[in-house]
Structures are given as C-alpha cells and as structure tokens.
Amino acid sequence: MRLHKREHPEADFQMAPMIDMVFLLLVFFLVVGTLARADKVRELDLPESDQSEVPEDPARRAIVSVEADGALFLGAEKLTLPQLEARLGRALTGQPELSVEVRADRATPYGKIRPVLEACGQAGASEVIYATVQVN
C-alpha cells in the first residue's frame, strides 16, 4: 500500500492589510501624542465663583491661558494676540463646534483679558467660556 502525501495548497499570507494597520496605528499615536502636548494647560490661580459650573464634556475645547503678566498660551504654546486670533480662526474653520475656554490668573487685570475675549470673537468662536474655580 502506497501512502499518498496530502497536498495542501500554500496559504498566501496577505501583508497589505497588516501594513495598513501598522500605518493606521502609527498615525493614531502620532496624532494622540501631538494632541496630548497641545492640551496641556498652564498652572494658574483661577478666580473663584459660587456660580461656576463644572463642564460635563470638556472635549472639543481650545484652552487659552492668560498669565498675570498678560502672556498668552494656546495649550502649552506661547503666542501673541494676532497669532492667537489666526490659530483660533483656522481651528474654528475646521471644527465650527469648537468652544474656547479662557483661563486667566486672578491677578491678571481685565485690560489684558478683554483683548483676548475680543480676539476669540473675531476668530469666529460662538462659545467662549471663562474658567473659574467653584466654591461652595
């Protein structure tokens, strides 16, 4: 009796889907890493308010920080007022539902905060949130 070797067709391993997944994961981690750095906020001594509300959904929010000396930051990046307006304008063009949260140190004079609020409006922000600390 003669034994026949079973012939199995070679299984082709498709590399294209795996390469696609690797590139998608790479892009995902690059974008998440960039967003994580951009979303870092400055440590500020925020003003207190008994009327403040804690937002339920802090996503889709650009965070603008104004330090006591008037220095402006979008996330962790220091900008001038015209640069801030231009950057917010570009961001709002891509995401019209984006809200802007303005965080100002309690020692910042209002004269330095008002131009920031006006720049947000000029950039097209329909929702500008002024951040405070909730006290009870």
N, C-alpha and C. Protein backbone atom coordinates (compact mmCIF):
# COMPACT_ATOMS: atom_id res chain seq x y z
N MET A 1 0.82 -1.15 0.00
CA MET A 1 0.00 0.00 0.00
C MET A 1 0.88 1.24 0.00
N ARG A 2 0.51 2.08 -0.86
CA ARG A 2 1.32 3.28 -1.05
C ARG A 2 0.65 4.46 -0.36
N LEU A 3 1.42 5.16 0.44
CA LEU A 3 0.87 6.31 1.15
C LEU A 3 0.99 7.53 0.25
N HIS A 4 -0.09 8.24 0.13
CA HIS A 4 -0.09 9.46 -0.68
C HIS A 4 0.10 10.66 0.25
N LYS A 5 0.96 11.45 -0.17
CA LYS A 5 1.18 12.68 0.57
C LYS A 5 0.04 13.63 0.25
N ARG A 6 -0.60 14.10 1.25
CA ARG A 6 -1.69 15.05 1.01
C ARG A 6 -1.08 16.37 0.57
N GLU A 7 -1.62 16.86 -0.45
CA GLU A 7 -1.14 18.14 -0.94
C GLU A 7 -2.01 19.26 -0.40
N HIS A 8 -1.34 20.15 0.30
CA HIS A 8 -2.05 21.31 0.82
C HIS A 8 -1.59 22.52 0.03
N PRO A 9 -2.53 23.27 -0.44
CA PRO A 9 -2.09 24.48 -1.14
C PRO A 9 -1.44 25.42 -0.14
N GLU A 10 -0.39 26.06 -0.58
CA GLU A 10 0.27 27.02 0.30
C GLU A 10 -0.67 28.17 0.60
N ALA A 11 -0.77 28.47 1.85
CA ALA A 11 -1.63 29.58 2.25
C ALA A 11 -0.88 30.88 2.00
N ASP A 12 -1.48 31.72 1.21
CA ASP A 12 -0.86 33.02 0.96
C ASP A 12 -1.18 33.93 2.13
N PHE A 13 -0.16 34.51 2.68
CA PHE A 13 -0.34 35.44 3.78
C PHE A 13 -0.32 36.84 3.19
N GLN A 14 -1.44 37.53 3.32
CA GLN A 14 -1.56 38.86 2.75
C GLN A 14 -0.93 39.88 3.71
N MET A 15 0.08 40.57 3.25
CA MET A 15 0.78 41.56 4.07
C MET A 15 0.13 42.94 3.99
N ALA A 16 -0.58 43.23 2.92
CA ALA A 16 -1.14 44.58 2.74
C ALA A 16 -2.05 45.00 3.89
N PRO A 17 -2.99 44.17 4.36
CA PRO A 17 -3.83 44.61 5.48
C PRO A 17 -3.01 44.86 6.76
N MET A 18 -1.99 44.04 6.98
CA MET A 18 -1.17 44.24 8.17
C MET A 18 -0.38 45.54 8.08
N ILE A 19 0.14 45.84 6.91
CA ILE A 19 0.88 47.09 6.72
C ILE A 19 -0.06 48.27 6.90
N ASP A 20 -1.28 48.16 6.39
CA ASP A 20 -2.28 49.22 6.58
C ASP A 20 -2.55 49.46 8.06
N MET A 21 -2.71 48.38 8.82
CA MET A 21 -2.99 48.52 10.25
C MET A 21 -1.81 49.15 10.99
N VAL A 22 -0.59 48.78 10.61
CA VAL A 22 0.58 49.36 11.26
C VAL A 22 0.63 50.86 10.99
N PHE A 23 0.37 51.27 9.75
CA PHE A 23 0.38 52.70 9.44
C PHE A 23 -0.74 53.44 10.16
N LEU A 24 -1.92 52.84 10.25
CA LEU A 24 -3.02 53.47 10.97
C LEU A 24 -2.68 53.64 12.46
N LEU A 25 -2.09 52.63 13.05
CA LEU A 25 -1.69 52.74 14.45
C LEU A 25 -0.61 53.81 14.64
N LEU A 26 0.32 53.87 13.71
CA LEU A 26 1.37 54.88 13.77
C LEU A 26 0.78 56.29 13.71
N VAL A 27 -0.12 56.51 12.76
CA VAL A 27 -0.77 57.82 12.64
C VAL A 27 -1.58 58.13 13.89
N PHE A 28 -2.30 57.15 14.41
CA PHE A 28 -3.10 57.35 15.62
C PHE A 28 -2.23 57.82 16.78
N PHE A 29 -1.12 57.13 17.02
CA PHE A 29 -0.28 57.51 18.16
C PHE A 29 0.41 58.84 17.94
N LEU A 30 0.75 59.16 16.71
CA LEU A 30 1.33 60.48 16.45
C LEU A 30 0.32 61.59 16.73
N VAL A 31 -0.91 61.41 16.28
CA VAL A 31 -1.94 62.42 16.50
C VAL A 31 -2.27 62.55 17.98
N VAL A 32 -2.43 61.43 18.67
CA VAL A 32 -2.76 61.47 20.10
C VAL A 32 -1.62 62.12 20.89
N GLY A 33 -0.38 61.81 20.53
CA GLY A 33 0.76 62.42 21.21
C GLY A 33 0.81 63.91 21.00
N THR A 34 0.52 64.36 19.79
CA THR A 34 0.51 65.79 19.49
C THR A 34 -0.61 66.49 20.24
N LEU A 35 -1.79 65.90 20.26
CA LEU A 35 -2.92 66.50 20.97
C LEU A 35 -2.67 66.53 22.47
N ALA A 36 -2.04 65.51 23.00
CA ALA A 36 -1.77 65.49 24.44
C ALA A 36 -0.83 66.63 24.82
N ARG A 37 0.17 66.91 23.98
CA ARG A 37 1.07 68.02 24.27
C ARG A 37 0.36 69.35 24.11
N ALA A 38 -0.52 69.46 23.12
CA ALA A 38 -1.20 70.72 22.84
C ALA A 38 -2.24 71.05 23.92
N ASP A 39 -2.79 70.02 24.56
CA ASP A 39 -3.84 70.24 25.54
C ASP A 39 -3.33 70.54 26.94
N LYS A 40 -2.03 70.48 27.14
CA LYS A 40 -1.52 70.80 28.47
C LYS A 40 -1.82 72.25 28.77
N VAL A 41 -2.31 72.48 29.95
CA VAL A 41 -2.68 73.84 30.33
C VAL A 41 -1.69 74.36 31.36
N ARG A 42 -1.58 75.65 31.41
CA ARG A 42 -0.70 76.32 32.35
C ARG A 42 -1.32 76.28 33.74
N GLU A 43 -0.48 76.21 34.73
CA GLU A 43 -0.95 76.27 36.11
C GLU A 43 -1.23 77.73 36.44
N LEU A 44 -2.48 78.04 36.73
CA LEU A 44 -2.89 79.40 37.06
C LEU A 44 -3.70 79.40 38.35
N ASP A 45 -3.69 80.53 39.02
CA ASP A 45 -4.53 80.72 40.19
C ASP A 45 -5.83 81.35 39.68
N LEU A 46 -6.81 80.50 39.38
CA LEU A 46 -8.07 80.97 38.78
C LEU A 46 -8.93 81.71 39.80
N PRO A 47 -9.73 82.67 39.34
CA PRO A 47 -10.65 83.35 40.25
C PRO A 47 -11.74 82.40 40.74
N GLU A 48 -12.28 82.72 41.90
CA GLU A 48 -13.33 81.89 42.49
C GLU A 48 -14.70 82.44 42.15
N SER A 49 -15.68 81.52 42.07
CA SER A 49 -17.05 81.93 41.81
C SER A 49 -17.99 80.88 42.39
N ASP A 50 -19.06 81.34 43.02
CA ASP A 50 -20.05 80.38 43.52
C ASP A 50 -21.06 80.03 42.43
N GLN A 51 -20.99 80.69 41.29
CA GLN A 51 -21.89 80.43 40.18
C GLN A 51 -21.27 79.55 39.10
N SER A 52 -20.03 79.14 39.27
CA SER A 52 -19.36 78.36 38.22
C SER A 52 -19.94 76.95 38.16
N GLU A 53 -19.86 76.39 36.97
CA GLU A 53 -20.35 75.03 36.74
C GLU A 53 -19.22 74.21 36.16
N VAL A 54 -19.12 72.97 36.58
CA VAL A 54 -18.12 72.06 36.05
C VAL A 54 -18.66 71.50 34.74
N PRO A 55 -17.92 71.66 33.63
CA PRO A 55 -18.43 71.17 32.35
C PRO A 55 -18.55 69.65 32.34
N GLU A 56 -19.63 69.17 31.74
CA GLU A 56 -19.83 67.73 31.63
C GLU A 56 -18.92 67.13 30.56
N ASP A 57 -18.72 67.85 29.46
CA ASP A 57 -17.93 67.34 28.36
C ASP A 57 -16.84 68.35 28.01
N PRO A 58 -15.62 68.17 28.55
CA PRO A 58 -14.56 69.13 28.25
C PRO A 58 -13.89 68.89 26.90
N ALA A 59 -14.38 67.95 26.12
CA ALA A 59 -13.80 67.69 24.80
C ALA A 59 -14.17 68.81 23.84
N ARG A 60 -13.49 68.86 22.72
CA ARG A 60 -13.70 69.87 21.67
C ARG A 60 -13.62 71.28 22.24
N ARG A 61 -12.54 71.52 22.95
CA ARG A 61 -12.36 72.82 23.58
C ARG A 61 -10.92 73.27 23.40
N ALA A 62 -10.75 74.49 22.91
CA ALA A 62 -9.42 75.10 22.83
C ALA A 62 -9.20 75.86 24.13
N ILE A 63 -8.06 75.66 24.74
CA ILE A 63 -7.80 76.29 26.04
C ILE A 63 -6.77 77.40 25.87
N VAL A 64 -7.21 78.61 26.19
CA VAL A 64 -6.36 79.80 26.13
C VAL A 64 -6.07 80.23 27.56
N SER A 65 -4.79 80.35 27.89
CA SER A 65 -4.40 80.78 29.23
C SER A 65 -3.79 82.17 29.17
N VAL A 66 -4.17 83.01 30.13
CA VAL A 66 -3.63 84.36 30.24
C VAL A 66 -2.96 84.47 31.61
N GLU A 67 -1.65 84.64 31.60
CA GLU A 67 -0.94 84.75 32.88
C GLU A 67 -1.06 86.16 33.44
N ALA A 68 -0.64 86.32 34.67
CA ALA A 68 -0.79 87.61 35.37
C ALA A 68 -0.09 88.75 34.63
N ASP A 69 1.01 88.43 33.93
CA ASP A 69 1.73 89.48 33.19
C ASP A 69 1.16 89.72 31.80
N GLY A 70 0.10 88.98 31.43
CA GLY A 70 -0.54 89.15 30.13
C GLY A 70 -0.05 88.20 29.07
N ALA A 71 0.89 87.30 29.40
CA ALA A 71 1.38 86.31 28.42
C ALA A 71 0.25 85.37 28.03
N LEU A 72 0.14 85.09 26.72
CA LEU A 72 -0.93 84.24 26.18
C LEU A 72 -0.39 82.88 25.79
N PHE A 73 -1.19 81.85 26.06
CA PHE A 73 -0.83 80.49 25.69
C PHE A 73 -2.05 79.80 25.11
N LEU A 74 -1.85 79.12 24.00
CA LEU A 74 -2.88 78.24 23.43
C LEU A 74 -2.39 76.84 23.71
N GLY A 75 -3.01 76.17 24.67
CA GLY A 75 -2.46 74.91 25.17
C GLY A 75 -1.19 75.24 25.92
N ALA A 76 -0.07 74.70 25.45
CA ALA A 76 1.22 74.98 26.10
C ALA A 76 2.08 75.91 25.26
N GLU A 77 1.56 76.37 24.13
CA GLU A 77 2.35 77.20 23.20
C GLU A 77 2.10 78.68 23.44
N LYS A 78 3.19 79.43 23.64
CA LYS A 78 3.09 80.86 23.86
C LYS A 78 2.87 81.57 22.52
N LEU A 79 1.88 82.47 22.48
CA LEU A 79 1.53 83.17 21.26
C LEU A 79 1.31 84.65 21.54
N THR A 80 1.36 85.45 20.47
CA THR A 80 0.95 86.84 20.56
C THR A 80 -0.54 86.90 20.27
N LEU A 81 -1.16 88.04 20.51
CA LEU A 81 -2.59 88.18 20.27
C LEU A 81 -2.97 87.95 18.80
N PRO A 82 -2.25 88.52 17.81
CA PRO A 82 -2.58 88.23 16.41
C PRO A 82 -2.39 86.75 16.04
N GLN A 83 -1.36 86.13 16.60
CA GLN A 83 -1.15 84.70 16.33
C GLN A 83 -2.28 83.87 16.92
N LEU A 84 -2.72 84.24 18.12
CA LEU A 84 -3.83 83.53 18.75
C LEU A 84 -5.09 83.62 17.91
N GLU A 85 -5.40 84.82 17.44
CA GLU A 85 -6.59 85.00 16.62
C GLU A 85 -6.52 84.18 15.33
N ALA A 86 -5.34 84.18 14.70
CA ALA A 86 -5.17 83.41 13.45
C ALA A 86 -5.30 81.91 13.71
N ARG A 87 -4.68 81.41 14.78
CA ARG A 87 -4.73 79.98 15.09
C ARG A 87 -6.15 79.55 15.44
N LEU A 88 -6.84 80.36 16.23
CA LEU A 88 -8.22 80.03 16.57
C LEU A 88 -9.11 80.06 15.33
N GLY A 89 -8.86 81.03 14.45
CA GLY A 89 -9.64 81.11 13.22
C GLY A 89 -9.49 79.86 12.37
N ARG A 90 -8.25 79.38 12.23
CA ARG A 90 -8.01 78.15 11.46
C ARG A 90 -8.67 76.95 12.14
N ALA A 91 -8.54 76.87 13.46
CA ALA A 91 -9.13 75.74 14.19
C ALA A 91 -10.66 75.75 14.07
N LEU A 92 -11.26 76.93 14.15
CA LEU A 92 -12.72 77.03 14.07
C LEU A 92 -13.24 76.77 12.67
N THR A 93 -12.41 77.04 11.66
CA THR A 93 -12.80 76.71 10.29
C THR A 93 -12.92 75.20 10.12
N GLY A 94 -11.99 74.47 10.73
CA GLY A 94 -12.02 73.02 10.65
C GLY A 94 -13.03 72.38 11.58
N GLN A 95 -13.29 73.02 12.72
CA GLN A 95 -14.23 72.50 13.71
C GLN A 95 -15.12 73.63 14.20
N PRO A 96 -16.20 73.92 13.50
CA PRO A 96 -17.06 75.04 13.90
C PRO A 96 -17.69 74.89 15.29
N GLU A 97 -17.82 73.66 15.78
CA GLU A 97 -18.44 73.43 17.09
C GLU A 97 -17.43 73.58 18.23
N LEU A 98 -16.20 73.91 17.92
CA LEU A 98 -15.15 74.07 18.92
C LEU A 98 -15.48 75.25 19.83
N SER A 99 -15.38 75.03 21.14
CA SER A 99 -15.57 76.13 22.08
C SER A 99 -14.20 76.54 22.60
N VAL A 100 -14.11 77.76 23.08
CA VAL A 100 -12.85 78.31 23.57
C VAL A 100 -12.99 78.57 25.07
N GLU A 101 -12.07 78.00 25.83
CA GLU A 101 -12.06 78.22 27.27
C GLU A 101 -10.91 79.17 27.60
N VAL A 102 -11.25 80.33 28.15
CA VAL A 102 -10.25 81.32 28.53
C VAL A 102 -10.01 81.17 30.03
N ARG A 103 -8.75 80.88 30.36
CA ARG A 103 -8.34 80.72 31.76
C ARG A 103 -7.39 81.87 32.06
N ALA A 104 -7.74 82.71 33.00
CA ALA A 104 -6.89 83.85 33.36
C ALA A 104 -6.57 83.80 34.84
N ASP A 105 -5.32 84.11 35.15
CA ASP A 105 -4.89 84.17 36.54
C ASP A 105 -5.69 85.26 37.25
N ARG A 106 -6.00 85.05 38.53
CA ARG A 106 -6.81 86.03 39.26
C ARG A 106 -6.10 87.37 39.39
N ALA A 107 -4.77 87.40 39.23
CA ALA A 107 -4.03 88.66 39.32
C ALA A 107 -3.95 89.39 37.98
N THR A 108 -4.52 88.81 36.93
CA THR A 108 -4.47 89.43 35.61
C THR A 108 -5.48 90.57 35.54
N PRO A 109 -5.04 91.78 35.19
CA PRO A 109 -6.01 92.88 35.06
C PRO A 109 -6.95 92.63 33.88
N TYR A 110 -8.19 93.08 34.02
CA TYR A 110 -9.19 92.87 32.97
C TYR A 110 -8.75 93.50 31.64
N GLY A 111 -7.96 94.55 31.71
CA GLY A 111 -7.46 95.19 30.50
C GLY A 111 -6.61 94.27 29.64
N LYS A 112 -6.07 93.21 30.23
CA LYS A 112 -5.29 92.23 29.46
C LYS A 112 -6.15 91.04 29.02
N ILE A 113 -7.30 90.86 29.66
CA ILE A 113 -8.19 89.74 29.32
C ILE A 113 -9.15 90.13 28.20
N ARG A 114 -9.61 91.36 28.22
CA ARG A 114 -10.60 91.82 27.23
C ARG A 114 -10.13 91.64 25.79
N PRO A 115 -8.88 92.02 25.44
CA PRO A 115 -8.44 91.80 24.05
C PRO A 115 -8.44 90.33 23.66
N VAL A 116 -8.20 89.45 24.62
CA VAL A 116 -8.22 88.01 24.33
C VAL A 116 -9.65 87.57 24.01
N LEU A 117 -10.61 88.04 24.80
CA LEU A 117 -12.01 87.70 24.54
C LEU A 117 -12.46 88.25 23.19
N GLU A 118 -12.02 89.48 22.86
CA GLU A 118 -12.36 90.06 21.56
C GLU A 118 -11.72 89.27 20.42
N ALA A 119 -10.47 88.81 20.61
CA ALA A 119 -9.80 88.01 19.58
C ALA A 119 -10.53 86.70 19.34
N CYS A 120 -11.05 86.10 20.41
CA CYS A 120 -11.84 84.87 20.27
C CYS A 120 -13.08 85.13 19.42
N GLY A 121 -13.75 86.24 19.68
CA GLY A 121 -14.93 86.60 18.90
C GLY A 121 -14.58 86.89 17.46
N GLN A 122 -13.48 87.61 17.23
CA GLN A 122 -13.05 87.92 15.86
C GLN A 122 -12.66 86.66 15.10
N ALA A 123 -12.15 85.66 15.81
CA ALA A 123 -11.77 84.39 15.17
C ALA A 123 -12.99 83.58 14.77
N GLY A 124 -14.15 83.90 15.35
CA GLY A 124 -15.38 83.20 14.99
C GLY A 124 -15.90 82.24 16.05
N ALA A 125 -15.38 82.34 17.26
CA ALA A 125 -15.84 81.45 18.33
C ALA A 125 -17.26 81.83 18.75
N SER A 126 -18.16 80.87 18.69
CA SER A 126 -19.54 81.15 19.09
C SER A 126 -19.75 80.87 20.57
N GLU A 127 -18.83 80.09 21.18
CA GLU A 127 -18.94 79.80 22.60
C GLU A 127 -17.58 80.05 23.25
N VAL A 128 -17.53 81.06 24.10
CA VAL A 128 -16.32 81.38 24.86
C VAL A 128 -16.64 81.20 26.33
N ILE A 129 -15.87 80.36 26.99
CA ILE A 129 -16.11 80.03 28.39
C ILE A 129 -15.00 80.67 29.21
N TYR A 130 -15.39 81.38 30.26
CA TYR A 130 -14.40 81.99 31.16
C TYR A 130 -14.28 81.07 32.36
N ALA A 131 -13.10 80.49 32.58
CA ALA A 131 -12.90 79.50 33.61
C ALA A 131 -12.75 80.12 34.99
N THR A 132 -13.42 79.53 35.95
CA THR A 132 -13.29 79.93 37.35
C THR A 132 -13.25 78.66 38.20
N VAL A 133 -12.93 78.84 39.46
CA VAL A 133 -12.93 77.72 40.41
C VAL A 133 -14.23 77.79 41.19
N GLN A 134 -14.89 76.64 41.34
CA GLN A 134 -16.17 76.60 42.04
C GLN A 134 -15.95 76.57 43.54
N VAL A 135 -16.62 77.47 44.24
CA VAL A 135 -16.58 77.49 45.71
C VAL A 135 -18.01 77.29 46.22
N ASN A 136 -18.12 76.67 47.36
CA ASN A 136 -19.47 76.43 47.90
C ASN A 136 -19.69 77.18 49.17
